């Protein structure tokens, strides 16, 4: 996938569409100290819940919560993420 920001649920679905639905999913964080986590929860809040959105925004925001830390991101994954 090209370097791009995934900013909407639709963009996330499109980015995942080509992968096997049974494939494990992980959240890779911290490029300088790459860790892998399971995803824990999906939640939705009003669009202005963080105080950064315009006060009149009624658009909801979907949140992906990091779960249990699994270990370190393997080198091939860090390479694919362009972190090495």
N, C-alpha and C. Protein backbone atom coordinates (compact mmCIF):
# COMPACT_ATOMS: atom_id res chain seq x y z
N UNK A 1 0.84 -1.18 0.00
CA UNK A 1 0.00 0.00 0.00
C UNK A 1 0.89 1.24 0.00
N UNK A 2 0.49 2.22 -0.71
CA UNK A 2 1.26 3.47 -0.79
C UNK A 2 1.21 4.20 0.54
N UNK A 3 2.15 5.10 0.74
CA UNK A 3 2.12 5.93 1.95
C UNK A 3 0.88 6.81 1.88
N UNK A 4 -0.02 6.58 2.76
CA UNK A 4 -1.25 7.33 2.79
C UNK A 4 -1.81 7.31 4.20
N UNK A 5 -2.63 8.25 4.50
CA UNK A 5 -3.31 8.28 5.77
C UNK A 5 -4.67 7.62 5.60
N UNK A 6 -5.00 6.74 6.50
CA UNK A 6 -6.33 6.12 6.51
C UNK A 6 -7.12 6.89 7.53
N UNK A 7 -8.06 7.70 7.06
CA UNK A 7 -8.77 8.62 7.95
C UNK A 7 -10.24 8.26 8.16
N UNK A 8 -10.76 7.30 7.39
CA UNK A 8 -12.17 6.96 7.53
C UNK A 8 -12.34 5.45 7.61
N UNK A 9 -13.48 5.01 8.12
CA UNK A 9 -13.79 3.58 8.17
C UNK A 9 -13.78 3.01 6.76
N UNK A 10 -14.32 3.74 5.79
CA UNK A 10 -14.33 3.27 4.41
C UNK A 10 -12.93 3.06 3.86
N UNK A 11 -12.01 3.97 4.16
CA UNK A 11 -10.62 3.82 3.71
C UNK A 11 -9.96 2.62 4.38
N UNK A 12 -10.28 2.37 5.65
CA UNK A 12 -9.74 1.20 6.35
C UNK A 12 -10.26 -0.08 5.72
N UNK A 13 -11.56 -0.13 5.46
CA UNK A 13 -12.14 -1.31 4.82
C UNK A 13 -11.50 -1.53 3.45
N UNK A 14 -11.34 -0.49 2.67
CA UNK A 14 -10.72 -0.61 1.35
C UNK A 14 -9.28 -1.09 1.45
N UNK A 15 -8.55 -0.62 2.46
CA UNK A 15 -7.15 -1.02 2.63
C UNK A 15 -7.04 -2.49 3.02
N UNK A 16 -8.04 -3.02 3.72
CA UNK A 16 -8.01 -4.41 4.18
C UNK A 16 -8.66 -5.38 3.20
N UNK A 17 -9.36 -4.86 2.20
CA UNK A 17 -10.16 -5.67 1.30
C UNK A 17 -9.39 -6.77 0.58
N UNK A 18 -8.12 -6.55 0.28
CA UNK A 18 -7.36 -7.53 -0.51
C UNK A 18 -6.76 -8.65 0.34
N UNK A 19 -6.91 -8.58 1.67
CA UNK A 19 -6.31 -9.57 2.56
C UNK A 19 -7.33 -10.63 2.98
N UNK A 20 -6.83 -11.79 3.33
CA UNK A 20 -7.66 -12.90 3.80
C UNK A 20 -8.36 -12.48 5.09
N UNK A 21 -9.69 -12.56 5.14
CA UNK A 21 -10.42 -12.16 6.35
C UNK A 21 -10.04 -12.96 7.59
N UNK A 22 -9.45 -14.15 7.41
CA UNK A 22 -9.04 -14.97 8.54
C UNK A 22 -7.62 -14.66 9.01
N UNK A 23 -6.91 -13.77 8.31
CA UNK A 23 -5.53 -13.44 8.69
C UNK A 23 -5.51 -12.71 10.04
N UNK A 24 -4.53 -12.99 10.90
CA UNK A 24 -4.42 -12.27 12.17
C UNK A 24 -4.21 -10.78 11.91
N UNK A 25 -4.68 -9.95 12.81
CA UNK A 25 -4.50 -8.50 12.70
C UNK A 25 -3.75 -8.00 13.93
N UNK A 26 -2.83 -7.09 13.71
CA UNK A 26 -2.04 -6.51 14.79
C UNK A 26 -1.95 -5.01 14.58
N UNK A 27 -1.72 -4.29 15.64
CA UNK A 27 -1.47 -2.85 15.60
C UNK A 27 0.01 -2.66 15.87
N UNK A 28 0.74 -2.11 14.91
CA UNK A 28 2.17 -1.85 15.08
C UNK A 28 2.33 -0.40 15.53
N UNK A 29 3.09 -0.20 16.60
CA UNK A 29 3.27 1.14 17.15
C UNK A 29 4.73 1.44 17.40
N UNK A 30 5.01 2.70 17.56
CA UNK A 30 6.32 3.20 17.97
C UNK A 30 7.46 2.76 17.04
N UNK A 31 7.61 3.43 15.89
CA UNK A 31 8.63 3.02 14.92
C UNK A 31 10.05 2.90 15.49
N UNK A 32 10.41 3.71 16.49
CA UNK A 32 11.77 3.63 17.04
C UNK A 32 11.94 2.46 18.00
N UNK A 33 10.86 1.92 18.52
CA UNK A 33 10.86 0.79 19.44
C UNK A 33 9.63 -0.03 19.09
N UNK A 34 9.64 -0.70 17.90
CA UNK A 34 8.43 -1.26 17.31
C UNK A 34 7.82 -2.41 18.11
N UNK A 35 6.61 -2.18 18.58
CA UNK A 35 5.86 -3.18 19.33
C UNK A 35 4.62 -3.57 18.55
N UNK A 36 4.15 -4.80 18.78
CA UNK A 36 2.90 -5.23 18.15
C UNK A 36 1.88 -5.52 19.24
N UNK A 37 0.66 -5.07 18.98
CA UNK A 37 -0.45 -5.26 19.91
C UNK A 37 -1.64 -5.88 19.18
N UNK A 38 -2.43 -6.62 19.92
CA UNK A 38 -3.72 -7.03 19.41
C UNK A 38 -4.64 -5.82 19.43
N UNK A 39 -5.69 -5.84 18.64
CA UNK A 39 -6.73 -4.82 18.75
C UNK A 39 -7.69 -5.28 19.82
N UNK A 40 -8.14 -4.36 20.67
CA UNK A 40 -9.00 -4.76 21.78
C UNK A 40 -10.46 -4.41 21.55
N UNK A 41 -10.72 -3.20 21.18
CA UNK A 41 -12.09 -2.73 21.08
C UNK A 41 -12.24 -1.75 19.92
N UNK A 42 -13.46 -1.65 19.48
CA UNK A 42 -13.85 -0.61 18.54
C UNK A 42 -14.93 0.18 19.26
N UNK A 43 -14.76 1.49 19.30
CA UNK A 43 -15.72 2.36 19.98
C UNK A 43 -16.04 3.53 19.09
N UNK A 44 -17.14 4.19 19.38
CA UNK A 44 -17.57 5.34 18.60
C UNK A 44 -17.99 6.44 19.55
N UNK A 45 -17.55 7.67 19.24
CA UNK A 45 -17.90 8.83 20.05
C UNK A 45 -18.37 9.95 19.12
N UNK A 46 -19.03 10.95 19.68
CA UNK A 46 -19.34 12.12 18.84
C UNK A 46 -18.06 12.71 18.27
N UNK A 47 -18.16 13.35 17.12
CA UNK A 47 -16.99 13.89 16.44
C UNK A 47 -16.23 14.93 17.22
N UNK A 48 -16.87 15.62 18.16
CA UNK A 48 -16.18 16.66 18.91
C UNK A 48 -15.81 16.21 20.32
N UNK A 49 -15.75 14.89 20.57
CA UNK A 49 -15.48 14.39 21.91
C UNK A 49 -14.07 14.74 22.41
N UNK A 50 -13.12 14.93 21.49
CA UNK A 50 -11.76 15.24 21.92
C UNK A 50 -11.52 16.74 22.07
N UNK A 51 -12.49 17.54 21.73
CA UNK A 51 -12.34 18.99 21.87
C UNK A 51 -11.58 19.63 20.73
N UNK A 52 -11.05 18.82 19.79
CA UNK A 52 -10.27 19.37 18.67
C UNK A 52 -11.13 19.62 17.44
N UNK A 53 -12.30 19.00 17.39
CA UNK A 53 -13.18 19.17 16.23
C UNK A 53 -14.02 20.42 16.42
N UNK A 54 -14.54 20.94 15.33
CA UNK A 54 -15.43 22.10 15.47
C UNK A 54 -16.60 21.77 16.40
N UNK A 55 -17.03 22.72 17.19
CA UNK A 55 -18.07 22.50 18.19
C UNK A 55 -19.37 22.02 17.57
N UNK A 56 -19.64 22.38 16.32
CA UNK A 56 -20.89 21.99 15.70
C UNK A 56 -20.80 20.68 14.93
N UNK A 57 -19.73 19.95 15.08
CA UNK A 57 -19.55 18.69 14.37
C UNK A 57 -20.36 17.59 15.03
N UNK A 58 -21.27 17.00 14.27
CA UNK A 58 -22.06 15.88 14.77
C UNK A 58 -21.55 14.55 14.23
N UNK A 59 -20.51 14.58 13.41
CA UNK A 59 -19.98 13.36 12.81
C UNK A 59 -19.32 12.49 13.88
N UNK A 60 -19.70 11.23 13.98
CA UNK A 60 -19.06 10.34 14.96
C UNK A 60 -17.64 9.99 14.54
N UNK A 61 -16.83 9.61 15.51
CA UNK A 61 -15.46 9.15 15.28
C UNK A 61 -15.37 7.72 15.79
N UNK A 62 -14.83 6.80 14.97
CA UNK A 62 -14.64 5.41 15.36
C UNK A 62 -13.20 5.25 15.85
N UNK A 63 -13.04 4.61 17.00
CA UNK A 63 -11.74 4.43 17.63
C UNK A 63 -11.37 2.95 17.65
N UNK A 64 -10.12 2.63 17.31
CA UNK A 64 -9.58 1.28 17.43
C UNK A 64 -8.66 1.28 18.65
N UNK A 65 -8.98 0.49 19.64
CA UNK A 65 -8.18 0.46 20.87
C UNK A 65 -7.13 -0.62 20.83
N UNK A 66 -5.92 -0.28 21.26
CA UNK A 66 -4.84 -1.26 21.35
C UNK A 66 -5.13 -2.21 22.51
N UNK A 67 -4.87 -3.47 22.27
CA UNK A 67 -5.07 -4.49 23.29
C UNK A 67 -3.74 -4.95 23.86
N UNK A 68 -3.70 -6.21 24.19
CA UNK A 68 -2.54 -6.83 24.81
C UNK A 68 -1.31 -6.72 23.90
N UNK A 69 -0.17 -6.41 24.52
CA UNK A 69 1.08 -6.37 23.75
C UNK A 69 1.51 -7.79 23.46
N UNK A 70 1.78 -8.07 22.19
CA UNK A 70 2.15 -9.40 21.76
C UNK A 70 3.66 -9.58 21.77
N UNK A 71 4.39 -8.58 21.36
CA UNK A 71 5.84 -8.68 21.27
C UNK A 71 6.36 -7.54 20.43
N UNK A 72 7.49 -7.80 19.79
CA UNK A 72 8.11 -6.80 18.93
C UNK A 72 7.69 -7.03 17.49
N UNK A 73 7.60 -5.97 16.73
CA UNK A 73 7.29 -6.08 15.31
C UNK A 73 8.45 -6.80 14.63
N UNK A 74 8.17 -7.88 13.89
CA UNK A 74 9.25 -8.58 13.21
C UNK A 74 9.89 -7.70 12.13
N UNK A 75 11.15 -7.94 11.85
CA UNK A 75 11.89 -7.13 10.88
C UNK A 75 11.18 -7.02 9.53
N UNK A 76 10.63 -8.11 8.96
CA UNK A 76 9.94 -7.95 7.67
C UNK A 76 8.76 -6.99 7.75
N UNK A 77 8.04 -6.99 8.87
CA UNK A 77 6.91 -6.06 9.03
C UNK A 77 7.42 -4.63 9.18
N UNK A 78 8.49 -4.43 9.95
CA UNK A 78 9.08 -3.10 10.10
C UNK A 78 9.55 -2.58 8.74
N UNK A 79 10.13 -3.46 7.93
CA UNK A 79 10.55 -3.08 6.58
C UNK A 79 9.35 -2.69 5.73
N UNK A 80 8.28 -3.49 5.79
CA UNK A 80 7.08 -3.20 5.00
C UNK A 80 6.43 -1.88 5.43
N UNK A 81 6.54 -1.55 6.71
CA UNK A 81 6.01 -0.29 7.22
C UNK A 81 6.96 0.88 6.98
N UNK A 82 8.12 0.57 6.40
CA UNK A 82 9.19 1.56 6.15
C UNK A 82 9.70 2.21 7.42
N UNK A 83 9.84 1.38 8.48
CA UNK A 83 10.34 1.86 9.77
C UNK A 83 11.83 1.55 9.92
N UNK A 84 12.42 0.79 8.99
CA UNK A 84 13.84 0.46 9.17
C UNK A 84 14.69 1.13 8.13
